[in-house]
Amino acid sequence: MNYQKIKGTPDFLPEDTKKWQDIENKAKVVLSRYQFKEIRTPIFEQFELFARGVGETSDIVSKEMYDFVDKGKRHIALRPEGTAGVVRSFVENKLYGPEHHKPLKFYYIAPMFRYERPQKGRMRQFHQLGVEVFGSSNPATDVETMALAMDLFRTFGLDNLKLVINSLGSTESRKKYRKALIEYLEPFADELSKDSKERLHKNPLRVLDSKDRNDQQIVQGAPSILDYLDETSKAHFETVKDYLNMLGIDYTIDSNMVRGLDYYNDTIFEIMTEDPEFGSNTTVCAGGRYDGLVEEVGGPATPGFGFGAGLERLVMLLENAGYNFTEVDALDAFIVTIGEAADKEAAKLAYVLRSAGMNIEREFMNRKPAKQFKTADKLDAEYVFTLGENEVENRTVNVKKLENGKELTADLSKLYSQDKKAYLEEIKAQLK
């Protein structure tokens, strides 16, 4: 049988993974600068965790969840997003206790799963870099986390991005706004798209987020959520704007932006790319404040803030920008072998050079020396170590630096000694 991968799932071959490793390595440097620590949670959780945390009326739960009943009759779901699982871990491991310094800052780089039509930059198995901050209701947390998101993209030299912000206010102010929005939308009920008709009384804020063009025209005249913020939420949002201005971070306000998850309150944001390859205003990163989610999942009232960025889209953005990906596993040396005795010696030499911290590849196919040198060149090796019968007999190895063509004869016994690292530095210095 001819097996093929499931539609919407990726194979990352070595030429792909080196790009991902480069992105992840550079992202981790920025995350460390902001003092975020890595957390890893299970790929699958109880279905109810996502239904309760993400919201039963959200598209993720109602349409896109990969869920199943396992052999123990448990209703299980593959994680469609990262926040709910991290919140569950925060509660289950009692990380809210006084012994833990607040705020707690976590990040994850992990696969997520959603059953939706695969398309450019959107897969059924996709990967997110996400961060979560627990324990701080300070607007400075919102701004610092948004600044981190912008810094992550700027690390790669991306500048065709814009930060869009909004406030959803408190639960109480959102109830008042919800009522006003329903009153505005009801006269248009027959004209709304099928999805928006379903959401009208269940979750009317999602109508503002509709991708249907007719819906978008209808909501243009809708009341603004910013007019319904209570004094506390209004002050919080003003402080967020003040801090962004102080840091010189440009932003725009979109009062119709609501995000697709039910757990958000107060500040929400999206980072959009204006890269023509993606069409205008494609979201590459999004998040916001979720002060009620920890309590919803069974923990004590704890404020939270976070975001998720799709790594597939980031890779595509960087490829479109002609980004020069760093070679994370650059080859230090290739060992050329001529004859059986050299083949055996190469096994030891490769082992010793690797133990000295070098990235090594060697010949295994017994090809002619010219082809081996061509391979070393193709693999962009810095040095070539050549072993033939004479070298093995004399306990030497020829070392050549490919960049400048300089070469010398090295002593194998010194390479195999306790001082091999110092001897290797000597060799490199002579071949400069």
Protein backbone atom coordinates (compact mmCIF):
# COMPACT_ATOMS: atom_id res chain seq x y z
CA MET A 1 0.00 0.00 0.00
CA ASN A 2 1.19 3.52 -0.85
CA TYR A 3 0.96 5.47 2.42
CA GLN A 4 0.68 9.25 2.37
CA LYS A 5 0.54 11.81 5.15
CA ILE A 6 -2.92 12.92 6.31
CA LYS A 7 -4.11 16.02 4.44
CA GLY A 8 -3.22 19.20 6.31
CA THR A 9 -0.28 17.69 8.21
CA PRO A 10 3.35 18.57 7.43
CA ASP A 11 6.58 16.69 6.78
CA PHE A 12 9.55 18.86 7.73
CA LEU A 13 12.62 17.65 5.85
CA PRO A 14 16.15 18.64 6.95
CA GLU A 15 16.21 21.71 4.66
CA ASP A 16 12.99 22.84 6.40
CA THR A 17 13.97 21.99 9.98
CA LYS A 18 17.17 24.04 9.81
CA LYS A 19 14.96 27.11 9.24
CA TRP A 20 12.75 26.17 12.19
CA GLN A 21 15.78 25.57 14.44
CA ASP A 22 17.19 28.97 13.51
CA ILE A 23 13.86 30.69 14.33
CA GLU A 24 13.44 28.80 17.61
CA ASN A 25 17.03 29.48 18.74
CA LYS A 26 16.76 33.22 18.06
CA ALA A 27 13.29 33.42 19.64
CA LYS A 28 14.58 31.74 22.81
CA VAL A 29 17.27 34.42 23.17
CA VAL A 30 14.58 37.17 23.10
CA LEU A 31 12.31 35.21 25.46
CA SER A 32 15.19 34.82 27.95
CA ARG A 33 15.78 38.58 27.79
CA TYR A 34 12.21 39.03 29.04
CA GLN A 35 12.67 36.21 31.60
CA PHE A 36 10.15 33.74 30.13
CA LYS A 37 10.69 30.06 31.02
CA GLU A 38 9.68 27.09 28.87
CA ILE A 39 6.68 24.93 29.79
CA ARG A 40 5.62 21.72 28.01
CA THR A 41 2.10 20.33 28.37
CA PRO A 42 0.35 17.27 26.83
CA ILE A 43 -0.77 17.31 23.20
CA PHE A 44 -4.21 16.05 24.28
CA GLU A 45 -6.40 17.04 27.23
CA GLN A 46 -9.97 16.51 28.43
CA PHE A 47 -12.41 17.91 25.87
CA GLU A 48 -14.20 19.86 28.62
CA LEU A 49 -11.04 21.88 29.36
CA PHE A 50 -11.12 23.43 25.89
CA ALA A 51 -14.93 23.71 25.77
CA ARG A 52 -14.93 25.56 29.09
CA GLY A 53 -11.73 27.55 28.62
CA VAL A 54 -11.97 28.50 24.95
CA GLY A 55 -15.77 28.84 24.84
CA GLU A 56 -18.42 26.49 23.46
CA THR A 57 -19.67 29.09 20.97
CA SER A 58 -16.20 29.69 19.51
CA ASP A 59 -15.42 28.26 16.06
CA ILE A 60 -12.59 26.24 17.59
CA VAL A 61 -14.95 24.21 19.79
CA SER A 62 -18.03 24.18 17.56
CA LYS A 63 -16.30 23.38 14.25
CA GLU A 64 -12.56 22.78 14.45
CA MET A 65 -11.79 20.53 17.42
CA TYR A 66 -10.14 17.14 16.82
CA ASP A 67 -11.89 15.15 19.55
CA PHE A 68 -12.54 11.47 20.21
CA VAL A 69 -13.62 9.02 22.93
CA ASP A 70 -10.65 6.87 24.02
CA LYS A 71 -10.62 3.25 25.23
CA GLY A 72 -11.32 4.40 28.79
CA LYS A 73 -14.50 6.16 27.54
CA ARG A 74 -12.90 9.58 28.19
CA HIS A 75 -13.78 12.46 25.86
CA ILE A 76 -10.36 13.64 24.65
CA ALA A 77 -9.31 16.50 22.36
CA LEU A 78 -6.05 17.32 20.63
CA ARG A 79 -5.11 20.82 21.78
CA PRO A 80 -6.40 23.47 19.36
CA GLU A 81 -4.51 26.27 21.17
CA GLY A 82 -1.96 26.49 23.98
CA THR A 83 -3.43 28.69 26.70
CA ALA A 84 -6.04 26.35 28.20
CA GLY A 85 -3.48 23.55 28.76
CA VAL A 86 -0.98 25.93 30.39
CA VAL A 87 -3.73 27.31 32.66
CA ARG A 88 -4.72 23.76 33.63
CA SER A 89 -1.06 23.03 34.46
CA PHE A 90 -0.79 26.27 36.47
CA VAL A 91 -3.82 25.23 38.57
CA GLU A 92 -3.01 21.51 38.89
CA ASN A 93 0.58 22.17 39.99
CA LYS A 94 -0.55 24.93 42.40
CA LEU A 95 1.80 27.47 40.82
CA TYR A 96 -0.40 30.22 42.27
CA GLY A 97 1.07 29.57 45.75
CA PRO A 98 2.96 32.32 47.65
CA GLU A 99 6.28 30.49 47.20
CA HIS A 100 6.21 31.28 43.45
CA HIS A 101 7.48 34.71 42.38
CA LYS A 102 4.80 36.69 40.51
CA PRO A 103 4.24 37.24 37.75
CA LEU A 104 5.05 33.78 36.40
CA LYS A 105 6.11 33.93 32.74
CA PHE A 106 5.95 30.86 30.50
CA TYR A 107 6.54 30.17 26.82
CA TYR A 108 5.97 27.13 24.62
CA ILE A 109 6.79 26.14 21.04
CA ALA A 110 4.43 23.32 20.17
CA PRO A 111 2.09 21.69 17.63
CA MET A 112 -1.64 22.50 17.71
CA PHE A 113 -4.49 20.78 15.85
CA ARG A 114 -7.62 22.16 14.18
CA TYR A 115 -9.91 20.51 11.69
CA GLU A 116 -10.27 23.18 9.01
CA ARG A 117 -9.76 23.45 5.28
CA PRO A 118 -5.99 23.39 4.64
CA GLN A 119 -4.72 26.45 2.77
CA LYS A 120 -1.62 28.60 2.45
CA GLY A 121 -0.25 29.27 5.93
CA ARG A 122 -3.07 27.29 7.60
CA MET A 123 -2.73 23.58 8.39
CA ARG A 124 -4.60 20.98 10.43
CA GLN A 125 -1.40 20.35 12.38
CA PHE A 126 0.33 23.68 12.86
CA HIS A 127 2.85 25.13 15.29
CA GLN A 128 2.66 28.05 17.66
CA LEU A 129 5.07 30.02 19.73
CA GLY A 130 2.99 31.16 22.69
CA VAL A 131 3.57 33.00 25.95
CA GLU A 132 1.47 33.26 29.12
CA VAL A 133 1.92 35.60 32.11
CA PHE A 134 0.10 34.87 35.41
CA GLY A 135 -0.42 37.03 38.46
CA SER A 136 -0.25 40.64 37.24
CA SER A 137 -3.16 42.96 36.40
CA ASN A 138 -0.73 45.84 35.84
CA PRO A 139 -1.21 47.43 32.36
CA ALA A 140 2.60 47.40 32.12
CA THR A 141 2.33 43.60 31.76
CA ASP A 142 0.09 44.04 28.70
CA VAL A 143 2.54 46.48 27.13
CA GLU A 144 5.68 44.48 27.95
CA THR A 145 4.15 41.33 26.46
CA MET A 146 3.08 43.16 23.29
CA ALA A 147 6.58 44.70 23.09
CA LEU A 148 8.03 41.17 23.38
CA ALA A 149 5.85 40.04 20.45
CA MET A 150 7.06 42.97 18.32
CA ASP A 151 10.68 42.30 19.37
CA LEU A 152 10.40 38.66 18.29
CA PHE A 153 9.46 39.72 14.76
CA ARG A 154 12.02 42.54 14.63
CA THR A 155 14.76 40.07 15.59
CA PHE A 156 14.35 38.71 12.07
CA GLY A 157 14.38 42.14 10.45
CA LEU A 158 10.64 42.17 9.70
CA ASP A 159 9.24 45.68 9.62
CA ASN A 160 6.12 45.54 7.41
CA LEU A 161 4.03 44.89 10.52
CA LYS A 162 1.40 46.82 12.45
CA LEU A 163 0.13 46.46 16.01
CA VAL A 164 -3.67 46.69 16.37
CA ILE A 165 -5.24 46.96 19.84
CA ASN A 166 -8.70 47.09 21.41
CA SER A 167 -10.31 46.69 24.82
CA LEU A 168 -13.16 44.27 25.56
CA GLY A 169 -13.65 45.74 29.04
CA SER A 170 -14.82 43.90 32.14
CA THR A 171 -17.46 41.17 32.26
CA GLU A 172 -20.04 43.70 33.46
CA SER A 173 -19.32 46.32 30.81
CA ARG A 174 -19.32 43.61 28.15
CA LYS A 175 -22.80 42.49 29.25
CA LYS A 176 -24.09 46.03 28.69
CA TYR A 177 -22.37 46.23 25.33
CA ARG A 178 -23.68 42.77 24.37
CA LYS A 179 -27.25 43.95 24.96
CA ALA A 180 -26.70 47.13 22.88
CA LEU A 181 -25.08 45.12 20.07
CA ILE A 182 -27.97 42.63 19.91
CA GLU A 183 -30.44 45.53 19.72
CA TYR A 184 -28.44 47.00 16.84
CA LEU A 185 -28.08 43.68 14.96
CA GLU A 186 -31.61 42.29 15.36
CA PRO A 187 -33.14 44.46 12.56
CA PHE A 188 -30.48 42.97 10.21
CA ALA A 189 -31.05 39.36 11.34
CA ASP A 190 -32.36 38.14 7.96
CA GLU A 191 -29.40 39.69 6.11
CA LEU A 192 -26.70 38.17 8.31
CA SER A 193 -24.63 35.16 7.18
CA LYS A 194 -25.56 31.71 8.50
CA ASP A 195 -22.75 31.75 11.12
CA SER A 196 -23.66 35.26 12.30
CA LYS A 197 -27.35 34.33 12.65
CA GLU A 198 -26.30 31.50 14.97
CA ARG A 199 -24.05 33.83 16.96
CA LEU A 200 -26.50 36.73 17.20
CA HIS A 201 -27.93 35.69 20.59
CA LYS A 202 -25.23 33.19 21.71
CA ASN A 203 -22.13 35.35 21.19
CA PRO A 204 -22.94 38.56 19.30
CA LEU A 205 -19.40 39.97 19.66
CA ARG A 206 -18.25 37.29 17.20
CA VAL A 207 -20.47 38.87 14.53
CA LEU A 208 -18.06 41.84 14.62
CA ASP A 209 -15.28 39.41 13.69
CA SER A 210 -17.16 37.91 10.70
CA LYS A 211 -15.22 37.49 7.45
CA ASP A 212 -18.47 37.73 5.42
CA ARG A 213 -18.42 40.97 3.40
CA ASN A 214 -22.10 41.72 3.91
CA ASP A 215 -21.71 41.17 7.68
CA GLN A 216 -18.73 43.52 7.65
CA GLN A 217 -20.83 46.26 6.03
CA ILE A 218 -23.64 45.76 8.58
CA VAL A 219 -21.31 46.01 11.61
CA GLN A 220 -19.70 49.23 10.36
CA GLY A 221 -22.55 51.14 12.00
CA ALA A 222 -22.56 49.06 15.19
CA PRO A 223 -21.97 50.78 18.55
CA SER A 224 -18.34 50.79 19.72
CA ILE A 225 -17.37 48.61 22.67
CA LEU A 226 -15.03 51.41 23.80
CA ASP A 227 -18.11 53.56 24.62
CA TYR A 228 -19.27 50.91 27.14
CA LEU A 229 -16.07 50.48 29.17
CA ASP A 230 -16.42 51.04 32.90
CA GLU A 231 -14.06 53.49 34.63
CA THR A 232 -11.56 50.79 35.65
CA SER A 233 -11.32 49.32 32.12
CA LYS A 234 -11.17 52.79 30.59
CA ALA A 235 -8.25 53.74 32.89
CA HIS A 236 -6.50 50.43 32.12
CA PHE A 237 -6.77 51.00 28.36
CA GLU A 238 -5.59 54.63 28.64
CA THR A 239 -2.52 53.46 30.58
CA VAL A 240 -1.77 50.81 27.94
CA LYS A 241 -1.88 53.51 25.24
CA ASP A 242 0.30 55.86 27.33
CA TYR A 243 2.94 53.16 27.81
CA LEU A 244 2.97 52.24 24.10
CA ASN A 245 3.39 55.92 23.22
CA MET A 246 6.20 56.24 25.77
CA LEU A 247 8.04 53.26 24.23
CA GLY A 248 7.54 54.65 20.70
CA ILE A 249 5.58 51.57 19.59
CA ASP A 250 3.12 52.56 16.84
CA TYR A 251 -0.38 51.10 17.09
CA THR A 252 -3.89 51.52 15.72
CA ILE A 253 -7.19 50.94 17.55
CA ASP A 254 -9.86 48.70 15.98
CA SER A 255 -13.01 48.71 18.12
CA ASN A 256 -14.49 45.86 16.02
CA MET A 257 -11.63 43.48 16.82
CA VAL A 258 -12.82 40.83 19.31
CA ARG A 259 -10.60 37.72 18.81
CA GLY A 260 -12.06 34.25 18.35
CA LEU A 261 -11.75 32.98 21.92
CA ASP A 262 -14.30 33.65 24.64
CA TYR A 263 -11.89 34.07 27.54
CA TYR A 264 -10.49 37.53 26.74
CA ASN A 265 -11.20 40.73 28.70
CA ASP A 266 -9.74 44.26 28.61
CA THR A 267 -6.67 44.54 26.33
CA ILE A 268 -6.53 42.42 23.18
CA PHE A 269 -4.12 42.81 20.27
CA GLU A 270 -3.08 41.48 16.89
CA ILE A 271 0.11 41.93 14.91
CA MET A 272 -0.64 42.04 11.20
CA THR A 273 1.63 41.79 8.19
CA GLU A 274 1.19 43.96 5.13
CA ASP A 275 3.32 41.56 3.07
CA PRO A 276 1.66 41.43 -0.40
CA GLU A 277 2.18 37.63 -0.52
CA PHE A 278 -0.40 37.24 2.28
CA GLY A 279 -2.92 39.84 1.13
CA SER A 280 -3.47 42.91 3.26
CA ASN A 281 -3.70 42.68 7.04
CA THR A 282 -3.00 39.00 7.67
CA THR A 283 -2.69 38.27 11.40
CA VAL A 284 0.65 36.67 12.37
CA CYS A 285 0.35 37.02 16.16
CA ALA A 286 -2.58 37.64 18.50
CA GLY A 287 -3.48 37.61 22.17
CA GLY A 288 -4.70 39.57 25.14
CA ARG A 289 -5.76 39.60 28.77
CA TYR A 290 -7.75 36.73 30.33
CA ASP A 291 -8.32 37.53 34.00
CA GLY A 292 -11.14 35.00 34.53
CA LEU A 293 -9.70 31.89 32.90
CA VAL A 294 -7.71 30.48 35.85
CA GLU A 295 -10.86 30.66 37.99
CA GLU A 296 -12.92 29.13 35.18
CA VAL A 297 -10.55 26.14 35.14
CA GLY A 298 -10.78 25.64 38.93
CA GLY A 299 -8.03 27.82 40.36
CA PRO A 300 -8.13 30.99 42.46
CA ALA A 301 -8.84 34.33 40.74
CA THR A 302 -5.57 35.11 38.91
CA PRO A 303 -5.02 37.68 36.16
CA GLY A 304 -3.41 36.47 32.93
CA PHE A 305 -2.07 37.80 29.65
CA GLY A 306 -0.64 35.98 26.63
CA PHE A 307 -0.31 35.57 22.88
CA GLY A 308 0.26 32.99 20.17
CA ALA A 309 2.21 33.34 16.92
CA GLY A 310 1.93 30.87 14.06
CA LEU A 311 5.37 29.56 13.11
CA GLU A 312 4.35 28.39 9.60
CA ARG A 313 3.38 31.95 8.74
CA LEU A 314 6.59 33.31 10.24
CA VAL A 315 8.67 30.91 8.10
CA MET A 316 6.73 32.02 4.99
CA LEU A 317 7.18 35.69 5.92
CA LEU A 318 10.93 35.23 6.28
CA GLU A 319 11.21 33.28 3.01
CA ASN A 320 9.29 36.06 1.20
CA ALA A 321 11.62 38.65 2.74
CA GLY A 322 14.69 36.73 1.50
CA TYR A 323 15.88 36.19 5.07
CA ASN A 324 19.31 34.57 5.39
CA PHE A 325 18.72 31.62 7.72
CA THR A 326 21.67 30.74 9.95
CA GLU A 327 23.21 27.32 9.36
CA VAL A 328 22.67 25.80 12.81
CA ASP A 329 24.69 22.62 12.15
CA ALA A 330 27.58 23.99 10.04
CA LEU A 331 30.14 21.28 9.18
CA ASP A 332 33.60 21.81 10.70
CA ALA A 333 35.34 19.02 8.82
CA PHE A 334 34.88 16.18 6.34
CA ILE A 335 37.14 13.09 6.54
CA VAL A 336 38.27 11.76 3.15
CA THR A 337 39.34 8.08 3.17
CA ILE A 338 41.44 6.14 0.64
CA GLY A 339 41.61 2.37 1.24
CA GLU A 340 40.44 -0.10 3.91
CA ALA A 341 42.94 0.85 6.60
CA ALA A 342 41.93 4.51 6.23
CA ASP A 343 38.25 3.58 6.57
CA LYS A 344 38.93 1.98 9.95
CA GLU A 345 41.13 4.89 11.12
CA ALA A 346 38.42 7.38 10.08
CA ALA A 347 36.00 5.80 12.55
CA LYS A 348 38.38 6.61 15.41
CA LEU A 349 39.35 10.07 14.07
CA ALA A 350 35.70 11.09 13.65
CA TYR A 351 34.90 9.94 17.20
CA VAL A 352 37.86 11.87 18.67
CA LEU A 353 37.18 15.08 16.73
CA ARG A 354 33.51 15.02 17.78
CA SER A 355 34.54 14.55 21.42
CA ALA A 356 36.62 17.71 20.95
CA GLY A 357 33.46 19.61 20.01
CA MET A 358 33.68 19.55 16.21
CA ASN A 359 30.83 18.80 13.76
CA ILE A 360 32.17 15.97 11.62
CA GLU A 361 31.07 13.98 8.56
CA ARG A 362 33.12 11.23 6.95
CA GLU A 363 33.19 9.08 3.85
CA PHE A 364 31.27 5.78 4.03
CA MET A 365 30.75 4.89 0.35
CA ASN A 366 34.40 4.19 -0.68
CA ARG A 367 34.22 6.69 -3.57
CA LYS A 368 37.16 8.17 -5.45
CA PRO A 369 38.92 11.04 -3.61
CA ALA A 370 37.81 13.67 -6.17
CA LYS A 371 34.14 12.86 -5.48
CA GLN A 372 34.75 12.98 -1.73
CA PHE A 373 36.33 16.45 -2.01
CA LYS A 374 33.36 17.57 -4.11
CA THR A 375 31.03 16.38 -1.32
CA ALA A 376 33.07 18.24 1.32
CA ASP A 377 32.75 21.39 -0.79
CA LYS A 378 29.00 20.86 -1.30
CA LEU A 379 28.49 20.37 2.46
CA ASP A 380 30.42 23.62 3.01
CA ALA A 381 32.98 21.95 5.29
CA GLU A 382 35.61 24.29 6.73
CA TYR A 383 38.38 21.65 6.75
CA VAL A 384 39.11 18.33 5.03
CA PHE A 385 41.06 15.65 6.92
CA THR A 386 42.52 13.14 4.39
CA LEU A 387 43.54 9.61 5.41
CA GLY A 388 45.29 7.22 2.98
CA GLU A 389 47.47 4.14 3.46
CA ASN A 390 50.63 6.26 3.88
CA GLU A 391 48.99 8.48 6.49
CA VAL A 392 47.75 5.48 8.50
CA GLU A 393 51.20 3.88 8.36
CA ASN A 394 52.97 7.11 9.40
CA ARG A 395 50.26 7.97 12.04
CA THR A 396 49.50 11.31 10.34
CA VAL A 397 46.54 12.99 8.66
CA ASN A 398 46.53 15.71 6.01
CA VAL A 399 44.46 18.75 7.04
CA LYS A 400 43.33 21.31 4.43
CA LYS A 401 41.35 24.52 4.92
CA LEU A 402 39.02 24.76 1.92
CA GLU A 403 38.57 28.54 2.00
CA ASN A 404 42.23 29.37 1.34
CA GLY A 405 43.69 26.04 0.15
CA LYS A 406 46.32 25.96 2.93
CA GLU A 407 47.25 22.50 4.23
CA LEU A 408 49.54 20.74 6.68
CA THR A 409 50.38 17.29 8.01
CA ALA A 410 49.04 16.68 11.52
CA ASP A 411 50.16 14.07 14.06
CA LEU A 412 47.43 11.50 14.86
CA SER A 413 48.93 10.65 18.24
CA LYS A 414 48.62 14.31 19.31
CA LEU A 415 45.03 14.41 18.04
CA TYR A 416 44.29 11.31 20.12
CA SER A 417 45.96 12.71 23.26
CA GLN A 418 44.49 14.48 26.28
CA ASP A 419 45.67 17.81 24.78
CA LYS A 420 43.79 17.33 21.50
CA LYS A 421 41.80 20.58 21.85
CA ALA A 422 44.95 22.68 22.24
CA TYR A 423 46.55 20.84 19.29
CA LEU A 424 43.48 21.49 17.12
CA GLU A 425 43.72 25.22 17.95
CA GLU A 426 47.38 25.10 16.86
CA ILE A 427 46.38 23.51 13.53
CA LYS A 428 43.65 26.11 12.93
CA ALA A 429 46.06 28.96 13.70
CA GLN A 430 48.62 27.64 11.18
CA LEU A 431 45.96 27.33 8.46
CA LYS A 432 44.59 30.88 8.86
